[in-house]
């Protein structure tokens, strides 16, 4: 069996719980990556992203093009709502 993070071969001891990670660093890295992936599920990333190269002689960065990220805008609640009515409105407009 291999470490789930770095894919190093793990030595398994019979009649013991199977190892999934080679050390605590790999375990931590694996679960942090999993959390980040879970948080970014709803974000739509652009497909054609080009890396920007900096001109070494003048050390200037070319101007950024318009953002290609798609962000869903949420409606703002009416100003007259407060308390429980505001909470109900937010629950209905998720």
C-alpha atoms as a PDB file:
ATOM      1  CA  UNK A   1       0.000   0.000   0.000  1.00  0.00           C
ATOM      2  CA  UNK A   2       1.182   3.550  -0.741  1.00  0.00           C
ATOM      3  CA  UNK A   3       0.996   6.788   1.257  1.00  0.00           C
ATOM      4  CA  UNK A   4      -2.099   8.701   0.133  1.00  0.00           C
ATOM      5  CA  UNK A   5      -0.144  11.972  -0.104  1.00  0.00           C
ATOM      6  CA  UNK A   6       3.397  11.271  -1.345  1.00  0.00           C
ATOM      7  CA  UNK A   7       2.780   7.744  -2.730  1.00  0.00           C
ATOM      8  CA  UNK A   8       5.781   6.182  -0.963  1.00  0.00           C
ATOM      9  CA  UNK A   9       5.524   2.460  -0.303  1.00  0.00           C
ATOM     10  CA  UNK A  10       4.381   1.729   3.270  1.00  0.00           C
ATOM     11  CA  UNK A  11       5.384  -1.303   5.316  1.00  0.00           C
ATOM     12  CA  UNK A  12       2.319  -2.915   6.838  1.00  0.00           C
ATOM     13  CA  UNK A  13       2.552  -4.920  10.063  1.00  0.00           C
ATOM     14  CA  UNK A  14       0.235  -7.953  10.251  1.00  0.00           C
ATOM     15  CA  UNK A  15      -2.607  -7.793  12.798  1.00  0.00           C
ATOM     16  CA  UNK A  16      -2.213  -4.021  13.122  1.00  0.00           C
ATOM     17  CA  UNK A  17      -4.275  -1.178  11.733  1.00  0.00           C
ATOM     18  CA  UNK A  18      -3.278  -0.458   8.136  1.00  0.00           C
ATOM     19  CA  UNK A  19      -1.169   2.666   7.624  1.00  0.00           C
ATOM     20  CA  UNK A  20      -2.483   5.222   5.166  1.00  0.00           C
ATOM     21  CA  UNK A  21       0.269   7.873   5.540  1.00  0.00           C
ATOM     22  CA  UNK A  22       4.020   7.640   6.084  1.00  0.00           C
ATOM     23  CA  UNK A  23       4.076  10.453   8.705  1.00  0.00           C
ATOM     24  CA  UNK A  24       2.009  13.227  10.255  1.00  0.00           C
ATOM     25  CA  UNK A  25       3.157  15.784   7.658  1.00  0.00           C
ATOM     26  CA  UNK A  26       1.724  13.698   4.807  1.00  0.00           C
ATOM     27  CA  UNK A  27      -1.492  13.125   6.768  1.00  0.00           C
ATOM     28  CA  UNK A  28      -1.867  16.846   7.402  1.00  0.00           C
ATOM     29  CA  UNK A  29      -1.086  17.770   3.768  1.00  0.00           C
ATOM     30  CA  UNK A  30      -3.583  15.220   2.460  1.00  0.00           C
ATOM     31  CA  UNK A  31      -6.469  16.482   4.595  1.00  0.00           C
ATOM     32  CA  UNK A  32      -5.655  20.151   3.928  1.00  0.00           C
ATOM     33  CA  UNK A  33      -5.754  19.466   0.175  1.00  0.00           C
ATOM     34  CA  UNK A  34      -9.055  17.631   0.615  1.00  0.00           C
ATOM     35  CA  UNK A  35     -10.535  20.569   2.572  1.00  0.00           C
ATOM     36  CA  UNK A  36      -9.383  23.069  -0.063  1.00  0.00           C
ATOM     37  CA  UNK A  37     -10.874  20.959  -2.847  1.00  0.00           C
ATOM     38  CA  UNK A  38     -14.161  20.745  -0.947  1.00  0.00           C
ATOM     39  CA  UNK A  39     -14.265  24.527  -0.388  1.00  0.00           C
ATOM     40  CA  UNK A  40     -13.564  25.257  -4.065  1.00  0.00           C
ATOM     41  CA  UNK A  41     -16.306  22.973  -5.443  1.00  0.00           C
ATOM     42  CA  UNK A  42     -18.687  25.855  -6.211  1.00  0.00           C
ATOM     43  CA  UNK A  43     -16.038  28.113  -7.752  1.00  0.00           C
ATOM     44  CA  UNK A  44     -15.866  28.051 -11.527  1.00  0.00           C
ATOM     45  CA  UNK A  45     -12.284  28.526 -12.673  1.00  0.00           C
ATOM     46  CA  UNK A  46     -11.304  29.779 -16.117  1.00  0.00           C
ATOM     47  CA  UNK A  47     -10.066  27.093 -18.494  1.00  0.00           C
ATOM     48  CA  UNK A  48      -7.553  29.042 -20.568  1.00  0.00           C
ATOM     49  CA  UNK A  49      -5.285  30.770 -18.088  1.00  0.00           C
ATOM     50  CA  UNK A  50      -1.996  32.027 -19.466  1.00  0.00           C
ATOM     51  CA  UNK A  51       1.046  32.555 -17.277  1.00  0.00           C
ATOM     52  CA  UNK A  52       2.329  36.114 -17.244  1.00  0.00           C
ATOM     53  CA  UNK A  53       6.029  36.568 -17.952  1.00  0.00           C
ATOM     54  CA  UNK A  54       7.873  39.498 -16.448  1.00  0.00           C
ATOM     55  CA  UNK A  55      10.299  41.341 -18.697  1.00  0.00           C
ATOM     56  CA  UNK A  56      13.633  40.937 -16.887  1.00  0.00           C
ATOM     57  CA  UNK A  57      15.220  44.031 -18.371  1.00  0.00           C
ATOM     58  CA  UNK A  58      12.542  46.551 -17.473  1.00  0.00           C
ATOM     59  CA  UNK A  59      10.993  44.438 -14.674  1.00  0.00           C
ATOM     60  CA  UNK A  60       7.493  45.484 -15.636  1.00  0.00           C
ATOM     61  CA  UNK A  61       4.416  43.345 -15.568  1.00  0.00           C
ATOM     62  CA  UNK A  62       2.022  43.633 -18.510  1.00  0.00           C
ATOM     63  CA  UNK A  63      -1.475  44.949 -17.667  1.00  0.00           C
ATOM     64  CA  UNK A  64      -3.949  42.350 -16.444  1.00  0.00           C
ATOM     65  CA  UNK A  65      -6.781  41.378 -18.792  1.00  0.00           C
ATOM     66  CA  UNK A  66     -10.364  41.463 -17.534  1.00  0.00           C
ATOM     67  CA  UNK A  67     -11.167  38.736 -15.063  1.00  0.00           C
ATOM     68  CA  UNK A  68     -12.589  35.511 -16.472  1.00  0.00           C
ATOM     69  CA  UNK A  69     -13.904  34.324 -13.104  1.00  0.00           C
ATOM     70  CA  UNK A  70     -17.644  33.834 -12.944  1.00  0.00           C
ATOM     71  CA  UNK A  71     -19.099  35.053  -9.675  1.00  0.00           C
ATOM     72  CA  UNK A  72     -22.730  34.550  -8.807  1.00  0.00           C
ATOM     73  CA  UNK A  73     -24.135  37.693  -7.205  1.00  0.00           C
ATOM     74  CA  UNK A  74     -26.570  37.212  -4.378  1.00  0.00           C
ATOM     75  CA  UNK A  75     -29.584  39.522  -4.075  1.00  0.00           C
ATOM     76  CA  UNK A  76     -29.459  42.020  -1.212  1.00  0.00           C
ATOM     77  CA  UNK A  77     -32.153  41.715   1.429  1.00  0.00           C
ATOM     78  CA  UNK A  78     -34.804  44.441   1.648  1.00  0.00           C
ATOM     79  CA  UNK A  79     -33.873  47.159   4.141  1.00  0.00           C
ATOM     80  CA  UNK A  80     -37.128  46.861   6.117  1.00  0.00           C
ATOM     81  CA  UNK A  81     -36.460  43.235   7.174  1.00  0.00           C
ATOM     82  CA  UNK A  82     -34.842  42.447  10.514  1.00  0.00           C
ATOM     83  CA  UNK A  83     -34.636  39.640  13.042  1.00  0.00           C
ATOM     84  CA  UNK A  84     -36.602  36.512  12.234  1.00  0.00           C
ATOM     85  CA  UNK A  85     -38.047  37.899   8.994  1.00  0.00           C
ATOM     86  CA  UNK A  86     -34.507  38.598   7.721  1.00  0.00           C
ATOM     87  CA  UNK A  87     -33.366  35.075   8.674  1.00  0.00           C
ATOM     88  CA  UNK A  88     -36.330  33.529   6.818  1.00  0.00           C
ATOM     89  CA  UNK A  89     -35.602  35.689   3.752  1.00  0.00           C
ATOM     90  CA  UNK A  90     -31.930  34.596   3.770  1.00  0.00           C
ATOM     91  CA  UNK A  91     -32.893  30.912   4.085  1.00  0.00           C
ATOM     92  CA  UNK A  92     -35.258  31.198   1.109  1.00  0.00           C
ATOM     93  CA  UNK A  93     -32.680  33.037  -1.070  1.00  0.00           C
ATOM     94  CA  UNK A  94     -29.602  30.843  -0.700  1.00  0.00           C
END
